[in-house]
């Protein structure tokens, strides 16, 4: 676990493509895009948390079982 996480070659290419697209955006477009991206990251995090709760059965009522 001490090794840093690195991106695959495909991910590096995707990141470069993304950077190129962002460079073409206006300041307003990039700010709007950044807010949308942040919201999606928050939704993903919440989804992962809910999935883990469900998988680990942390969302069930202990009195019911």
PDB file of N, CA and C in Angstrom:
ATOM      1  N   UNK A   1       0.819  -1.195   0.000  1.00  0.00           N
ATOM      2  CA  UNK A   1       0.000   0.000   0.000  1.00  0.00           C
ATOM      3  C   UNK A   1       0.864   1.261   0.000  1.00  0.00           C
ATOM      4  N   UNK A   2       2.174   1.095   0.126  1.00  0.00           N
ATOM      5  CA  UNK A   2       3.069   2.241   0.148  1.00  0.00           C
ATOM      6  C   UNK A   2       3.375   2.779  -1.247  1.00  0.00           C
ATOM      7  N   UNK A   3       3.056   2.006  -2.282  1.00  0.00           N
ATOM      8  CA  UNK A   3       3.322   2.445  -3.638  1.00  0.00           C
ATOM      9  C   UNK A   3       2.281   3.476  -4.056  1.00  0.00           C
ATOM     10  N   UNK A   4       2.742   4.538  -4.724  1.00  0.00           N
ATOM     11  CA  UNK A   4       1.772   5.535  -5.202  1.00  0.00           C
ATOM     12  C   UNK A   4       0.899   4.945  -6.305  1.00  0.00           C
ATOM     13  N   UNK A   5      -0.320   5.388  -6.357  1.00  0.00           N
ATOM     14  CA  UNK A   5      -1.246   4.925  -7.384  1.00  0.00           C
ATOM     15  C   UNK A   5      -0.920   5.661  -8.673  1.00  0.00           C
ATOM     16  N   UNK A   6      -0.730   4.908  -9.733  1.00  0.00           N
ATOM     17  CA  UNK A   6      -0.419   5.515 -11.027  1.00  0.00           C
ATOM     18  C   UNK A   6      -1.549   5.242 -12.005  1.00  0.00           C
ATOM     19  N   UNK A   7      -1.633   6.074 -13.008  1.00  0.00           N
ATOM     20  CA  UNK A   7      -2.657   5.922 -14.028  1.00  0.00           C
ATOM     21  C   UNK A   7      -2.163   4.985 -15.122  1.00  0.00           C
ATOM     22  N   UNK A   8      -3.101   4.265 -15.704  1.00  0.00           N
ATOM     23  CA  UNK A   8      -2.768   3.422 -16.848  1.00  0.00           C
ATOM     24  C   UNK A   8      -2.492   4.322 -18.049  1.00  0.00           C
ATOM     25  N   UNK A   9      -1.931   3.749 -19.085  1.00  0.00           N
ATOM     26  CA  UNK A   9      -1.653   4.510 -20.301  1.00  0.00           C
ATOM     27  C   UNK A   9      -2.944   5.067 -20.889  1.00  0.00           C
ATOM     28  N   UNK A  10      -3.992   4.265 -20.857  1.00  0.00           N
ATOM     29  CA  UNK A  10      -5.298   4.719 -21.356  1.00  0.00           C
ATOM     30  C   UNK A  10      -5.816   5.902 -20.536  1.00  0.00           C
ATOM     31  N   UNK A  11      -5.647   5.843 -19.218  1.00  0.00           N
ATOM     32  CA  UNK A  11      -6.089   6.940 -18.359  1.00  0.00           C
ATOM     33  C   UNK A  11      -5.257   8.197 -18.610  1.00  0.00           C
ATOM     34  N   UNK A  12      -3.958   8.030 -18.812  1.00  0.00           N
ATOM     35  CA  UNK A  12      -3.090   9.170 -19.124  1.00  0.00           C
ATOM     36  C   UNK A  12      -3.544   9.841 -20.421  1.00  0.00           C
ATOM     37  N   UNK A  13      -3.882   9.026 -21.422  1.00  0.00           N
ATOM     38  CA  UNK A  13      -4.366   9.562 -22.695  1.00  0.00           C
ATOM     39  C   UNK A  13      -5.682  10.305 -22.490  1.00  0.00           C
ATOM     40  N   UNK A  14      -6.576   9.716 -21.712  1.00  0.00           N
ATOM     41  CA  UNK A  14      -7.865  10.337 -21.434  1.00  0.00           C
ATOM     42  C   UNK A  14      -7.676  11.668 -20.717  1.00  0.00           C
ATOM     43  N   UNK A  15      -6.750  11.715 -19.773  1.00  0.00           N
ATOM     44  CA  UNK A  15      -6.458  12.942 -19.045  1.00  0.00           C
ATOM     45  C   UNK A  15      -5.925  14.018 -19.986  1.00  0.00           C
ATOM     46  N   UNK A  16      -5.056  13.627 -20.891  1.00  0.00           N
ATOM     47  CA  UNK A  16      -4.499  14.590 -21.856  1.00  0.00           C
ATOM     48  C   UNK A  16      -5.603  15.134 -22.777  1.00  0.00           C
ATOM     49  N   UNK A  17      -6.488  14.250 -23.220  1.00  0.00           N
ATOM     50  CA  UNK A  17      -7.605  14.663 -24.067  1.00  0.00           C
ATOM     51  C   UNK A  17      -8.509  15.631 -23.314  1.00  0.00           C
ATOM     52  N   UNK A  18      -8.772  15.318 -22.056  1.00  0.00           N
ATOM     53  CA  UNK A  18      -9.594  16.180 -21.214  1.00  0.00           C
ATOM     54  C   UNK A  18      -8.943  17.549 -21.049  1.00  0.00           C
ATOM     55  N   UNK A  19      -7.639  17.573 -20.799  1.00  0.00           N
ATOM     56  CA  UNK A  19      -6.914  18.833 -20.637  1.00  0.00           C
ATOM     57  C   UNK A  19      -7.003  19.676 -21.905  1.00  0.00           C
ATOM     58  N   UNK A  20      -6.885  19.028 -23.049  1.00  0.00           N
ATOM     59  CA  UNK A  20      -6.997  19.749 -24.317  1.00  0.00           C
ATOM     60  C   UNK A  20      -8.381  20.369 -24.491  1.00  0.00           C
ATOM     61  N   UNK A  21      -9.418  19.619 -24.099  1.00  0.00           N
ATOM     62  CA  UNK A  21     -10.785  20.129 -24.205  1.00  0.00           C
ATOM     63  C   UNK A  21     -10.997  21.323 -23.280  1.00  0.00           C
ATOM     64  N   UNK A  22     -10.472  21.234 -22.067  1.00  0.00           N
ATOM     65  CA  UNK A  22     -10.638  22.320 -21.098  1.00  0.00           C
ATOM     66  C   UNK A  22      -9.923  23.581 -21.583  1.00  0.00           C
ATOM     67  N   UNK A  23      -8.788  23.402 -22.221  1.00  0.00           N
ATOM     68  CA  UNK A  23      -8.045  24.557 -22.742  1.00  0.00           C
ATOM     69  C   UNK A  23      -8.866  25.357 -23.751  1.00  0.00           C
ATOM     70  N   UNK A  24      -9.778  24.683 -24.438  1.00  0.00           N
ATOM     71  CA  UNK A  24     -10.593  25.343 -25.459  1.00  0.00           C
ATOM     72  C   UNK A  24     -11.818  26.052 -24.880  1.00  0.00           C
ATOM     73  N   UNK A  25     -12.087  25.856 -23.600  1.00  0.00           N
ATOM     74  CA  UNK A  25     -13.267  26.452 -22.970  1.00  0.00           C
ATOM     75  C   UNK A  25     -12.998  27.887 -22.548  1.00  0.00           C
ATOM     76  N   UNK A  26     -14.072  28.660 -22.506  1.00  0.00           N
ATOM     77  CA  UNK A  26     -13.970  30.011 -21.930  1.00  0.00           C
ATOM     78  C   UNK A  26     -13.913  29.861 -20.409  1.00  0.00           C
ATOM     79  N   UNK A  27     -13.589  30.940 -19.746  1.00  0.00           N
ATOM     80  CA  UNK A  27     -13.537  30.915 -18.280  1.00  0.00           C
ATOM     81  C   UNK A  27     -14.894  30.527 -17.698  1.00  0.00           C
ATOM     82  N   UNK A  28     -15.964  31.095 -18.229  1.00  0.00           N
ATOM     83  CA  UNK A  28     -17.306  30.787 -17.722  1.00  0.00           C
ATOM     84  C   UNK A  28     -17.663  29.325 -17.973  1.00  0.00           C
ATOM     85  N   UNK A  29     -17.327  28.828 -19.166  1.00  0.00           N
ATOM     86  CA  UNK A  29     -17.612  27.420 -19.473  1.00  0.00           C
ATOM     87  C   UNK A  29     -16.845  26.497 -18.533  1.00  0.00           C
ATOM     88  N   UNK A  30     -15.587  26.817 -18.286  1.00  0.00           N
ATOM     89  CA  UNK A  30     -14.782  25.955 -17.424  1.00  0.00           C
ATOM     90  C   UNK A  30     -15.262  26.000 -15.975  1.00  0.00           C
ATOM     91  N   UNK A  31     -15.719  27.170 -15.503  1.00  0.00           N
ATOM     92  CA  UNK A  31     -16.257  27.253 -14.147  1.00  0.00           C
ATOM     93  C   UNK A  31     -17.538  26.441 -14.015  1.00  0.00           C
ATOM     94  N   UNK A  32     -18.414  26.547 -15.001  1.00  0.00           N
ATOM     95  CA  UNK A  32     -19.656  25.777 -14.994  1.00  0.00           C
ATOM     96  C   UNK A  32     -19.354  24.279 -15.040  1.00  0.00           C
ATOM     97  N   UNK A  33     -18.408  23.915 -15.875  1.00  0.00           N
ATOM     98  CA  UNK A  33     -18.015  22.518 -16.004  1.00  0.00           C
ATOM     99  C   UNK A  33     -17.423  21.986 -14.701  1.00  0.00           C
ATOM    100  N   UNK A  34     -16.602  22.802 -14.046  1.00  0.00           N
ATOM    101  CA  UNK A  34     -15.990  22.403 -12.782  1.00  0.00           C
ATOM    102  C   UNK A  34     -17.040  22.157 -11.708  1.00  0.00           C
ATOM    103  N   UNK A  35     -18.050  23.018 -11.643  1.00  0.00           N
ATOM    104  CA  UNK A  35     -19.122  22.815 -10.670  1.00  0.00           C
ATOM    105  C   UNK A  35     -19.902  21.537 -10.949  1.00  0.00           C
ATOM    106  N   UNK A  36     -20.181  21.286 -12.233  1.00  0.00           N
ATOM    107  CA  UNK A  36     -20.889  20.065 -12.611  1.00  0.00           C
ATOM    108  C   UNK A  36     -20.054  18.827 -12.253  1.00  0.00           C
ATOM    109  N   UNK A  37     -18.768  18.894 -12.513  1.00  0.00           N
ATOM    110  CA  UNK A  37     -17.880  17.776 -12.217  1.00  0.00           C
ATOM    111  C   UNK A  37     -17.808  17.510 -10.717  1.00  0.00           C
ATOM    112  N   UNK A  38     -17.737  18.583  -9.931  1.00  0.00           N
ATOM    113  CA  UNK A  38     -17.692  18.433  -8.477  1.00  0.00           C
ATOM    114  C   UNK A  38     -18.976  17.796  -7.952  1.00  0.00           C
ATOM    115  N   UNK A  39     -20.111  18.220  -8.493  1.00  0.00           N
ATOM    116  CA  UNK A  39     -21.391  17.638  -8.089  1.00  0.00           C
ATOM    117  C   UNK A  39     -21.416  16.144  -8.408  1.00  0.00           C
ATOM    118  N   UNK A  40     -20.932  15.776  -9.593  1.00  0.00           N
ATOM    119  CA  UNK A  40     -20.893  14.361  -9.968  1.00  0.00           C
ATOM    120  C   UNK A  40     -19.978  13.564  -9.045  1.00  0.00           C
ATOM    121  N   UNK A  41     -18.866  14.168  -8.623  1.00  0.00           N
ATOM    122  CA  UNK A  41     -17.958  13.496  -7.692  1.00  0.00           C
ATOM    123  C   UNK A  41     -18.649  13.260  -6.350  1.00  0.00           C
ATOM    124  N   UNK A  42     -19.420  14.240  -5.895  1.00  0.00           N
ATOM    125  CA  UNK A  42     -20.138  14.095  -4.633  1.00  0.00           C
ATOM    126  C   UNK A  42     -21.200  13.004  -4.739  1.00  0.00           C
ATOM    127  N   UNK A  43     -21.905  12.964  -5.865  1.00  0.00           N
ATOM    128  CA  UNK A  43     -22.920  11.932  -6.083  1.00  0.00           C
ATOM    129  C   UNK A  43     -22.267  10.556  -6.106  1.00  0.00           C
ATOM    130  N   UNK A  44     -21.114  10.433  -6.787  1.00  0.00           N
ATOM    131  CA  UNK A  44     -20.410   9.155  -6.840  1.00  0.00           C
ATOM    132  C   UNK A  44     -19.988   8.701  -5.444  1.00  0.00           C
ATOM    133  N   UNK A  45     -19.459   9.627  -4.655  1.00  0.00           N
ATOM    134  CA  UNK A  45     -19.036   9.289  -3.301  1.00  0.00           C
ATOM    135  C   UNK A  45     -20.223   8.801  -2.468  1.00  0.00           C
ATOM    136  N   UNK A  46     -21.339   9.497  -2.559  1.00  0.00           N
ATOM    137  CA  UNK A  46     -22.542   9.098  -1.820  1.00  0.00           C
ATOM    138  C   UNK A  46     -23.035   7.732  -2.285  1.00  0.00           C
ATOM    139  N   UNK A  47     -22.982   7.497  -3.595  1.00  0.00           N
ATOM    140  CA  UNK A  47     -23.399   6.200  -4.136  1.00  0.00           C
ATOM    141  C   UNK A  47     -22.516   5.087  -3.595  1.00  0.00           C
ATOM    142  N   UNK A  48     -21.196   5.303  -3.595  1.00  0.00           N
ATOM    143  CA  UNK A  48     -20.275   4.302  -3.049  1.00  0.00           C
ATOM    144  C   UNK A  48     -20.564   4.030  -1.580  1.00  0.00           C
ATOM    145  N   UNK A  49     -20.806   5.093  -0.820  1.00  0.00           N
ATOM    146  CA  UNK A  49     -21.107   4.919   0.599  1.00  0.00           C
ATOM    147  C   UNK A  49     -22.371   4.093   0.804  1.00  0.00           C
ATOM    148  N   UNK A  50     -23.403   4.391   0.030  1.00  0.00           N
ATOM    149  CA  UNK A  50     -24.654   3.651   0.146  1.00  0.00           C
ATOM    150  C   UNK A  50     -24.476   2.189  -0.267  1.00  0.00           C
ATOM    151  N   UNK A  51     -23.718   1.958  -1.337  1.00  0.00           N
ATOM    152  CA  UNK A  51     -23.470   0.581  -1.771  1.00  0.00           C
ATOM    153  C   UNK A  51     -22.699  -0.202  -0.709  1.00  0.00           C
ATOM    154  N   UNK A  52     -21.705   0.428  -0.109  1.00  0.00           N
ATOM    155  CA  UNK A  52     -20.943  -0.248   0.943  1.00  0.00           C
ATOM    156  C   UNK A  52     -21.811  -0.517   2.169  1.00  0.00           C
ATOM    157  N   UNK A  53     -22.626   0.456   2.547  1.00  0.00           N
ATOM    158  CA  UNK A  53     -23.539   0.235   3.673  1.00  0.00           C
ATOM    159  C   UNK A  53     -24.430  -0.965   3.414  1.00  0.00           C
ATOM    160  N   UNK A  54     -24.957  -1.020   2.205  1.00  0.00           N
ATOM    161  CA  UNK A  54     -25.842  -2.123   1.848  1.00  0.00           C
ATOM    162  C   UNK A  54     -25.070  -3.445   1.822  1.00  0.00           C
ATOM    163  N   UNK A  55     -23.896  -3.451   1.210  1.00  0.00           N
ATOM    164  CA  UNK A  55     -23.098  -4.676   1.094  1.00  0.00           C
ATOM    165  C   UNK A  55     -22.657  -5.177   2.470  1.00  0.00           C
ATOM    166  N   UNK A  56     -22.293  -4.274   3.348  1.00  0.00           N
ATOM    167  CA  UNK A  56     -21.838  -4.643   4.684  1.00  0.00           C
ATOM    168  C   UNK A  56     -22.994  -4.739   5.669  1.00  0.00           C
ATOM    169  N   UNK A  57     -24.209  -4.564   5.151  1.00  0.00           N
ATOM    170  CA  UNK A  57     -25.429  -4.654   5.950  1.00  0.00           C
ATOM    171  C   UNK A  57     -25.431  -3.685   7.130  1.00  0.00           C
ATOM    172  N   UNK A  58     -24.926  -2.493   6.876  1.00  0.00           N
ATOM    173  CA  UNK A  58     -24.931  -1.448   7.895  1.00  0.00           C
ATOM    174  C   UNK A  58     -26.203  -0.617   7.844  1.00  0.00           C
ATOM    175  N   UNK A  59     -26.986  -0.817   6.786  1.00  0.00           N
ATOM    176  CA  UNK A  59     -28.204  -0.023   6.648  1.00  0.00           C
ATOM    177  C   UNK A  59     -29.443  -0.745   7.171  1.00  0.00           C
ATOM    178  N   UNK A  60     -29.280  -1.955   7.675  1.00  0.00           N
ATOM    179  CA  UNK A  60     -30.446  -2.701   8.161  1.00  0.00           C
ATOM    180  C   UNK A  60     -30.635  -2.457   9.658  1.00  0.00           C
ATOM    181  N   UNK A  61     -31.861  -2.604  10.076  1.00  0.00           N
ATOM    182  CA  UNK A  61     -32.220  -2.429  11.476  1.00  0.00           C
ATOM    183  C   UNK A  61     -31.864  -3.703  12.231  1.00  0.00           C
ATOM    184  N   UNK A  62     -30.977  -3.637  13.244  1.00  0.00           N
ATOM    185  CA  UNK A  62     -30.569  -4.841  13.968  1.00  0.00           C
ATOM    186  C   UNK A  62     -31.702  -5.508  14.730  1.00  0.00           C
ATOM    187  N   UNK A  63     -32.753  -4.765  15.060  1.00  0.00           N
ATOM    188  CA  UNK A  63     -33.871  -5.353  15.792  1.00  0.00           C
ATOM    189  C   UNK A  63     -34.731  -6.226  14.909  1.00  0.00           C
ATOM    190  N   UNK A  64     -34.679  -6.033  13.598  1.00  0.00           N
ATOM    191  CA  UNK A  64     -35.514  -6.793  12.668  1.00  0.00           C
ATOM    192  C   UNK A  64     -34.935  -8.186  12.470  1.00  0.00           C
ATOM    193  N   UNK A  65     -33.638  -8.311  12.504  1.00  0.00           N
ATOM    194  CA  UNK A  65     -33.003  -9.613  12.230  1.00  0.00           C
ATOM    195  C   UNK A  65     -33.039 -10.543  13.385  1.00  0.00           C
TER     196      UNK A  65
END
